[in-house]
Amino acid sequence: MSAWVIAGQPSDALPIVGQLYDVRHSRKGNFRMRATALHGEWLMGVIETGVAKAVMSYNVRGEGDEVTVRDVHSYLIEVPS
């Protein structure tokens, strides 16, 4: 069961593929990404602005890179189109 938290949305709301989100991630930090796929507790996307941090430098992701986030570590804010 996924536990996505999306600002201003009901507790059972799921991320929308194609939507732009500001991501507040407990491990990767803050960045903006466009969702490309959703698989249960995992959301994949492409970073549009910012950097997804990581413990190992080779895992750091920046603008244009693909990134995967997990529901329990993420707080999403929809960015209006």
PDB file of N, CA and C in Angstrom:
ATOM      1  N   MET A   1       0.840  -1.187   0.000  1.00  0.00           N
ATOM      2  CA  MET A   1       0.000   0.000   0.000  1.00  0.00           C
ATOM      3  C   MET A   1       0.878   1.240   0.000  1.00  0.00           C
ATOM      4  N   SER A   2       0.615   2.161  -0.912  1.00  0.00           N
ATOM      5  CA  SER A   2       1.427   3.374  -0.978  1.00  0.00           C
ATOM      6  C   SER A   2       0.898   4.422  -0.011  1.00  0.00           C
ATOM      7  N   ALA A   3       1.772   5.327   0.352  1.00  0.00           N
ATOM      8  CA  ALA A   3       1.436   6.370   1.326  1.00  0.00           C
ATOM      9  C   ALA A   3       1.890   7.737   0.824  1.00  0.00           C
ATOM     10  N   TRP A   4       1.517   8.079  -0.397  1.00  0.00           N
ATOM     11  CA  TRP A   4       1.928   9.356  -0.968  1.00  0.00           C
ATOM     12  C   TRP A   4       1.283  10.513  -0.222  1.00  0.00           C
ATOM     13  N   VAL A   5       2.067  11.565   0.032  1.00  0.00           N
ATOM     14  CA  VAL A   5       1.550  12.794   0.625  1.00  0.00           C
ATOM     15  C   VAL A   5       1.740  13.894  -0.413  1.00  0.00           C
ATOM     16  N   ILE A   6       0.606  14.412  -0.895  1.00  0.00           N
ATOM     17  CA  ILE A   6       0.615  15.459  -1.912  1.00  0.00           C
ATOM     18  C   ILE A   6      -0.130  16.656  -1.333  1.00  0.00           C
ATOM     19  N   ALA A   7       0.550  17.777  -1.258  1.00  0.00           N
ATOM     20  CA  ALA A   7      -0.021  18.981  -0.644  1.00  0.00           C
ATOM     21  C   ALA A   7      -1.381  19.312  -1.250  1.00  0.00           C
ATOM     22  N   GLY A   8      -2.376  19.541  -0.371  1.00  0.00           N
ATOM     23  CA  GLY A   8      -3.699  19.952  -0.812  1.00  0.00           C
ATOM     24  C   GLY A   8      -4.556  18.860  -1.417  1.00  0.00           C
ATOM     25  N   GLN A   9      -4.086  17.618  -1.388  1.00  0.00           N
ATOM     26  CA  GLN A   9      -4.820  16.503  -1.982  1.00  0.00           C
ATOM     27  C   GLN A   9      -5.305  15.550  -0.886  1.00  0.00           C
ATOM     28  N   PRO A  10      -6.352  14.777  -1.150  1.00  0.00           N
ATOM     29  CA  PRO A  10      -6.816  13.794  -0.166  1.00  0.00           C
ATOM     30  C   PRO A  10      -5.728  12.763   0.133  1.00  0.00           C
ATOM     31  N   SER A  11      -5.842  12.104   1.277  1.00  0.00           N
ATOM     32  CA  SER A  11      -4.806  11.164   1.707  1.00  0.00           C
ATOM     33  C   SER A  11      -4.649   9.963   0.781  1.00  0.00           C
ATOM     34  N   ASP A  12      -5.652   9.666  -0.045  1.00  0.00           N
ATOM     35  CA  ASP A  12      -5.544   8.531  -0.960  1.00  0.00           C
ATOM     36  C   ASP A  12      -5.128   8.943  -2.376  1.00  0.00           C
ATOM     37  N   ALA A  13      -4.759  10.216  -2.553  1.00  0.00           N
ATOM     38  CA  ALA A  13      -4.357  10.709  -3.882  1.00  0.00           C
ATOM     39  C   ALA A  13      -3.027  10.091  -4.303  1.00  0.00           C
ATOM     40  N   LEU A  14      -2.889   9.877  -5.602  1.00  0.00           N
ATOM     41  CA  LEU A  14      -1.658   9.348  -6.176  1.00  0.00           C
ATOM     42  C   LEU A  14      -1.028  10.391  -7.091  1.00  0.00           C
ATOM     43  N   PRO A  15       0.301  10.371  -7.226  1.00  0.00           N
ATOM     44  CA  PRO A  15       0.951  11.284  -8.173  1.00  0.00           C
ATOM     45  C   PRO A  15       0.458  11.015  -9.594  1.00  0.00           C
ATOM     46  N   ILE A  16       0.474  12.045 -10.421  1.00  0.00           N
ATOM     47  CA  ILE A  16      -0.003  11.955 -11.800  1.00  0.00           C
ATOM     48  C   ILE A  16       1.196  11.986 -12.744  1.00  0.00           C
ATOM     49  N   VAL A  17       1.287  10.978 -13.605  1.00  0.00           N
ATOM     50  CA  VAL A  17       2.354  10.938 -14.606  1.00  0.00           C
ATOM     51  C   VAL A  17       2.192  12.150 -15.527  1.00  0.00           C
ATOM     52  N   GLY A  18       3.281  12.847 -15.775  1.00  0.00           N
ATOM     53  CA  GLY A  18       3.275  14.053 -16.605  1.00  0.00           C
ATOM     54  C   GLY A  18       3.205  15.331 -15.790  1.00  0.00           C
ATOM     55  N   GLN A  19       2.823  15.228 -14.523  1.00  0.00           N
ATOM     56  CA  GLN A  19       2.698  16.393 -13.640  1.00  0.00           C
ATOM     57  C   GLN A  19       4.080  16.818 -13.134  1.00  0.00           C
ATOM     58  N   LEU A  20       4.243  18.119 -12.941  1.00  0.00           N
ATOM     59  CA  LEU A  20       5.463  18.686 -12.383  1.00  0.00           C
ATOM     60  C   LEU A  20       5.275  18.825 -10.878  1.00  0.00           C
ATOM     61  N   TYR A  21       6.259  18.358 -10.096  1.00  0.00           N
ATOM     62  CA  TYR A  21       6.183  18.404  -8.637  1.00  0.00           C
ATOM     63  C   TYR A  21       7.435  19.011  -8.036  1.00  0.00           C
ATOM     64  N   ASP A  22       7.236  19.810  -6.977  1.00  0.00           N
ATOM     65  CA  ASP A  22       8.343  20.154  -6.094  1.00  0.00           C
ATOM     66  C   ASP A  22       8.408  19.012  -5.103  1.00  0.00           C
ATOM     67  N   VAL A  23       9.582  18.405  -4.985  1.00  0.00           N
ATOM     68  CA  VAL A  23       9.762  17.241  -4.123  1.00  0.00           C
ATOM     69  C   VAL A  23      10.547  17.662  -2.890  1.00  0.00           C
ATOM     70  N   ARG A  24      10.032  17.303  -1.733  1.00  0.00           N
ATOM     71  CA  ARG A  24      10.740  17.473  -0.463  1.00  0.00           C
ATOM     72  C   ARG A  24      11.026  16.055   0.016  1.00  0.00           C
ATOM     73  N   HIS A  25      12.272  15.632  -0.133  1.00  0.00           N
ATOM     74  CA  HIS A  25      12.645  14.247   0.139  1.00  0.00           C
ATOM     75  C   HIS A  25      13.551  14.193   1.360  1.00  0.00           C
ATOM     76  N   SER A  26      13.265  13.286   2.274  1.00  0.00           N
ATOM     77  CA  SER A  26      14.023  13.219   3.526  1.00  0.00           C
ATOM     78  C   SER A  26      15.487  12.843   3.330  1.00  0.00           C
ATOM     79  N   ARG A  27      15.814  12.193   2.244  1.00  0.00           N
ATOM     80  CA  ARG A  27      17.206  11.787   2.001  1.00  0.00           C
ATOM     81  C   ARG A  27      17.855  12.527   0.831  1.00  0.00           C
ATOM     82  N   LYS A  28      17.063  12.831  -0.205  1.00  0.00           N
ATOM     83  CA  LYS A  28      17.622  13.417  -1.419  1.00  0.00           C
ATOM     84  C   LYS A  28      17.531  14.932  -1.462  1.00  0.00           C
ATOM     85  N   GLY A  29      16.813  15.539  -0.514  1.00  0.00           N
ATOM     86  CA  GLY A  29      16.705  16.991  -0.477  1.00  0.00           C
ATOM     87  C   GLY A  29      15.536  17.498  -1.299  1.00  0.00           C
ATOM     88  N   ASN A  30      15.642  18.746  -1.751  1.00  0.00           N
ATOM     89  CA  ASN A  30      14.558  19.422  -2.466  1.00  0.00           C
ATOM     90  C   ASN A  30      14.921  19.640  -3.924  1.00  0.00           C
ATOM     91  N   PHE A  31      13.993  19.306  -4.806  1.00  0.00           N
ATOM     92  CA  PHE A  31      14.201  19.507  -6.240  1.00  0.00           C
ATOM     93  C   PHE A  31      12.843  19.475  -6.924  1.00  0.00           C
ATOM     94  N   ARG A  32      12.824  19.863  -8.190  1.00  0.00           N
ATOM     95  CA  ARG A  32      11.593  19.850  -8.994  1.00  0.00           C
ATOM     96  C   ARG A  32      11.744  18.773 -10.059  1.00  0.00           C
ATOM     97  N   MET A  33      10.705  17.918 -10.165  1.00  0.00           N
ATOM     98  CA  MET A  33      10.770  16.852 -11.172  1.00  0.00           C
ATOM     99  C   MET A  33       9.437  16.680 -11.877  1.00  0.00           C
ATOM    100  N   ARG A  34       9.502  16.222 -13.119  1.00  0.00           N
ATOM    101  CA  ARG A  34       8.309  15.859 -13.876  1.00  0.00           C
ATOM    102  C   ARG A  34       8.164  14.347 -13.803  1.00  0.00           C
ATOM    103  N   ALA A  35       7.012  13.888 -13.298  1.00  0.00           N
ATOM    104  CA  ALA A  35       6.766  12.456 -13.123  1.00  0.00           C
ATOM    105  C   ALA A  35       6.659  11.767 -14.481  1.00  0.00           C
ATOM    106  N   THR A  36       7.350  10.638 -14.618  1.00  0.00           N
ATOM    107  CA  THR A  36       7.304   9.881 -15.873  1.00  0.00           C
ATOM    108  C   THR A  36       6.680   8.495 -15.701  1.00  0.00           C
ATOM    109  N   ALA A  37       6.684   7.972 -14.480  1.00  0.00           N
ATOM    110  CA  ALA A  37       6.087   6.650 -14.228  1.00  0.00           C
ATOM    111  C   ALA A  37       5.806   6.498 -12.738  1.00  0.00           C
ATOM    112  N   LEU A  38       4.761   5.736 -12.441  1.00  0.00           N
ATOM    113  CA  LEU A  38       4.391   5.445 -11.061  1.00  0.00           C
ATOM    114  C   LEU A  38       4.207   3.945 -10.934  1.00  0.00           C
ATOM    115  N   HIS A  39       4.913   3.354  -9.976  1.00  0.00           N
ATOM    116  CA  HIS A  39       4.810   1.914  -9.716  1.00  0.00           C
ATOM    117  C   HIS A  39       4.637   1.733  -8.209  1.00  0.00           C
ATOM    118  N   GLY A  40       3.384   1.812  -7.749  1.00  0.00           N
ATOM    119  CA  GLY A  40       3.096   1.637  -6.332  1.00  0.00           C
ATOM    120  C   GLY A  40       3.751   2.692  -5.475  1.00  0.00           C
ATOM    121  N   GLU A  41       4.746   2.280  -4.692  1.00  0.00           N
ATOM    122  CA  GLU A  41       5.421   3.203  -3.783  1.00  0.00           C
ATOM    123  C   GLU A  41       6.566   3.962  -4.437  1.00  0.00           C
ATOM    124  N   TRP A  42       6.830   3.717  -5.711  1.00  0.00           N
ATOM    125  CA  TRP A  42       7.951   4.332  -6.424  1.00  0.00           C
ATOM    126  C   TRP A  42       7.449   5.279  -7.513  1.00  0.00           C
ATOM    127  N   LEU A  43       8.020   6.491  -7.537  1.00  0.00           N
ATOM    128  CA  LEU A  43       7.706   7.481  -8.569  1.00  0.00           C
ATOM    129  C   LEU A  43       8.994   7.823  -9.297  1.00  0.00           C
ATOM    130  N   MET A  44       8.986   7.671 -10.596  1.00  0.00           N
ATOM    131  CA  MET A  44      10.135   8.003 -11.411  1.00  0.00           C
ATOM    132  C   MET A  44       9.872   9.323 -12.126  1.00  0.00           C
ATOM    133  N   GLY A  45      10.942  10.058 -12.380  1.00  0.00           N
ATOM    134  CA  GLY A  45      10.782  11.315 -13.083  1.00  0.00           C
ATOM    135  C   GLY A  45      12.115  11.875 -13.525  1.00  0.00           C
ATOM    136  N   VAL A  46      12.043  13.050 -14.155  1.00  0.00           N
ATOM    137  CA  VAL A  46      13.223  13.752 -14.637  1.00  0.00           C
ATOM    138  C   VAL A  46      13.327  15.064 -13.871  1.00  0.00           C
ATOM    139  N   ILE A  47      14.508  15.341 -13.342  1.00  0.00           N
ATOM    140  CA  ILE A  47      14.727  16.565 -12.580  1.00  0.00           C
ATOM    141  C   ILE A  47      14.736  17.762 -13.527  1.00  0.00           C
ATOM    142  N   GLU A  48      13.912  18.761 -13.222  1.00  0.00           N
ATOM    143  CA  GLU A  48      13.867  19.989 -14.038  1.00  0.00           C
ATOM    144  C   GLU A  48      14.721  21.083 -13.414  1.00  0.00           C
ATOM    145  N   THR A  49      14.690  21.198 -12.087  1.00  0.00           N
ATOM    146  CA  THR A  49      15.557  22.151 -11.388  1.00  0.00           C
ATOM    147  C   THR A  49      15.989  21.548 -10.064  1.00  0.00           C
ATOM    148  N   GLY A  50      17.183  21.892  -9.640  1.00  0.00           N
ATOM    149  CA  GLY A  50      17.700  21.417  -8.372  1.00  0.00           C
ATOM    150  C   GLY A  50      18.560  20.176  -8.524  1.00  0.00           C
ATOM    151  N   VAL A  51      18.905  19.609  -7.375  1.00  0.00           N
ATOM    152  CA  VAL A  51      19.792  18.448  -7.330  1.00  0.00           C
ATOM    153  C   VAL A  51      19.241  17.446  -6.322  1.00  0.00           C
ATOM    154  N   ALA A  52      19.236  16.174  -6.701  1.00  0.00           N
ATOM    155  CA  ALA A  52      18.890  15.091  -5.781  1.00  0.00           C
ATOM    156  C   ALA A  52      20.194  14.623  -5.148  1.00  0.00           C
ATOM    157  N   LYS A  53      20.346  14.875  -3.866  1.00  0.00           N
ATOM    158  CA  LYS A  53      21.582  14.536  -3.159  1.00  0.00           C
ATOM    159  C   LYS A  53      21.661  13.037  -2.891  1.00  0.00           C
ATOM    160  N   ALA A  54      22.856  12.589  -2.524  1.00  0.00           N
ATOM    161  CA  ALA A  54      23.073  11.180  -2.219  1.00  0.00           C
ATOM    162  C   ALA A  54      24.300  11.036  -1.326  1.00  0.00           C
ATOM    163  N   VAL A  55      24.401   9.915  -0.644  1.00  0.00           N
ATOM    164  CA  VAL A  55      25.560   9.645   0.208  1.00  0.00           C
ATOM    165  C   VAL A  55      26.816   9.516  -0.650  1.00  0.00           C
ATOM    166  N   MET A  56      26.710   8.770  -1.724  1.00  0.00           N
ATOM    167  CA  MET A  56      27.847   8.577  -2.630  1.00  0.00           C
ATOM    168  C   MET A  56      27.753   9.577  -3.784  1.00  0.00           C
ATOM    169  N   SER A  57      28.822  10.265  -4.074  1.00  0.00           N
ATOM    170  CA  SER A  57      28.800  11.329  -5.080  1.00  0.00           C
ATOM    171  C   SER A  57      28.366  10.838  -6.456  1.00  0.00           C
ATOM    172  N   TYR A  58      28.640   9.580  -6.794  1.00  0.00           N
ATOM    173  CA  TYR A  58      28.249   9.082  -8.107  1.00  0.00           C
ATOM    174  C   TYR A  58      26.742   8.862  -8.232  1.00  0.00           C
ATOM    175  N   ASN A  59      26.007   8.960  -7.134  1.00  0.00           N
ATOM    176  CA  ASN A  59      24.549   8.832  -7.167  1.00  0.00           C
ATOM    177  C   ASN A  59      23.827  10.183  -7.181  1.00  0.00           C
ATOM    178  N   VAL A  60      24.550  11.289  -7.092  1.00  0.00           N
ATOM    179  CA  VAL A  60      23.930  12.613  -7.140  1.00  0.00           C
ATOM    180  C   VAL A  60      23.348  12.819  -8.533  1.00  0.00           C
ATOM    181  N   ARG A  61      22.142  13.374  -8.595  1.00  0.00           N
ATOM    182  CA  ARG A  61      21.464  13.605  -9.876  1.00  0.00           C
ATOM    183  C   ARG A  61      21.094  15.070  -9.992  1.00  0.00           C
ATOM    184  N   GLY A  62      21.238  15.628 -11.203  1.00  0.00           N
ATOM    185  CA  GLY A  62      20.928  17.035 -11.445  1.00  0.00           C
ATOM    186  C   GLY A  62      19.945  17.202 -12.577  1.00  0.00           C
ATOM    187  N   GLU A  63      19.811  18.422 -13.053  1.00  0.00           N
ATOM    188  CA  GLU A  63      18.843  18.760 -14.097  1.00  0.00           C
ATOM    189  C   GLU A  63      19.007  17.856 -15.312  1.00  0.00           C
ATOM    190  N   GLY A  64      17.870  17.302 -15.769  1.00  0.00           N
ATOM    191  CA  GLY A  64      17.863  16.416 -16.927  1.00  0.00           C
ATOM    192  C   GLY A  64      18.093  14.954 -16.591  1.00  0.00           C
ATOM    193  N   ASP A  65      18.489  14.667 -15.360  1.00  0.00           N
ATOM    194  CA  ASP A  65      18.726  13.280 -14.949  1.00  0.00           C
ATOM    195  C   ASP A  65      17.439  12.635 -14.455  1.00  0.00           C
ATOM    196  N   GLU A  66      17.370  11.319 -14.622  1.00  0.00           N
ATOM    197  CA  GLU A  66      16.246  10.561 -14.090  1.00  0.00           C
ATOM    198  C   GLU A  66      16.482  10.303 -12.608  1.00  0.00           C
ATOM    199  N   VAL A  67      15.385  10.289 -11.847  1.00  0.00           N
ATOM    200  CA  VAL A  67      15.470  10.030 -10.416  1.00  0.00           C
ATOM    201  C   VAL A  67      14.239   9.225 -10.001  1.00  0.00           C
ATOM    202  N   THR A  68      14.404   8.400  -8.976  1.00  0.00           N
ATOM    203  CA  THR A  68      13.303   7.617  -8.422  1.00  0.00           C
ATOM    204  C   THR A  68      13.158   7.988  -6.955  1.00  0.00           C
ATOM    205  N   VAL A  69      11.915   8.233  -6.528  1.00  0.00           N
ATOM    206  CA  VAL A  69      11.655   8.543  -5.121  1.00  0.00           C
ATOM    207  C   VAL A  69      10.619   7.568  -4.576  1.00  0.00           C
ATOM    208  N   ARG A  70      10.691   7.329  -3.279  1.00  0.00           N
ATOM    209  CA  ARG A  70       9.776   6.408  -2.607  1.00  0.00           C
ATOM    210  C   ARG A  70       8.776   7.209  -1.779  1.00  0.00           C
ATOM    211  N   ASP A  71       7.550   6.726  -1.707  1.00  0.00           N
ATOM    212  CA  ASP A  71       6.467   7.453  -1.048  1.00  0.00           C
ATOM    213  C   ASP A  71       6.779   7.847   0.396  1.00  0.00           C
ATOM    214  N   VAL A  72       7.327   6.938   1.197  1.00  0.00           N
ATOM    215  CA  VAL A  72       7.518   7.214   2.624  1.00  0.00           C
ATOM    216  C   VAL A  72       8.583   8.271   2.911  1.00  0.00           C
ATOM    217  N   HIS A  73       9.384   8.618   1.914  1.00  0.00           N
ATOM    218  CA  HIS A  73      10.431   9.627   2.093  1.00  0.00           C
ATOM    219  C   HIS A  73      10.084  10.950   1.415  1.00  0.00           C
ATOM    220  N   SER A  74       8.924  11.030   0.773  1.00  0.00           N
ATOM    221  CA  SER A  74       8.625  12.167  -0.100  1.00  0.00           C
ATOM    222  C   SER A  74       7.382  12.934   0.314  1.00  0.00           C
ATOM    223  N   TYR A  75       7.454  14.248   0.128  1.00  0.00           N
ATOM    224  CA  TYR A  75       6.309  15.148   0.248  1.00  0.00           C
ATOM    225  C   TYR A  75       6.259  15.886  -1.077  1.00  0.00           C
ATOM    226  N   LEU A  76       5.141  15.789  -1.797  1.00  0.00           N
ATOM    227  CA  LEU A  76       5.038  16.367  -3.130  1.00  0.00           C
ATOM    228  C   LEU A  76       4.128  17.601  -3.123  1.00  0.00           C
ATOM    229  N   ILE A  77       4.536  18.591  -3.898  1.00  0.00           N
ATOM    230  CA  ILE A  77       3.741  19.804  -4.089  1.00  0.00           C
ATOM    231  C   ILE A  77       3.563  19.975  -5.590  1.00  0.00           C
ATOM    232  N   GLU A  78       2.301  19.946  -6.046  1.00  0.00           N
ATOM    233  CA  GLU A  78       2.043  20.121  -7.483  1.00  0.00           C
ATOM    234  C   GLU A  78       2.435  21.532  -7.906  1.00  0.00           C
ATOM    235  N   VAL A  79       3.107  21.619  -9.048  1.00  0.00           N
ATOM    236  CA  VAL A  79       3.467  22.912  -9.627  1.00  0.00           C
ATOM    237  C   VAL A  79       2.471  23.205 -10.720  1.00  0.00           C
ATOM    238  N   PRO A  80       1.723  24.315 -10.602  1.00  0.00           N
ATOM    239  CA  PRO A  80       0.719  24.629 -11.637  1.00  0.00           C
ATOM    240  C   PRO A  80       1.363  24.769 -13.015  1.00  0.00           C
ATOM    241  N   SER A  81       0.645  24.322 -14.052  1.00  0.00           N
ATOM    242  CA  SER A  81       1.162  24.423 -15.419  1.00  0.00           C
ATOM    243  C   SER A  81       0.996  25.819 -15.953  1.00  0.00           C
TER     244      SER A  81
END
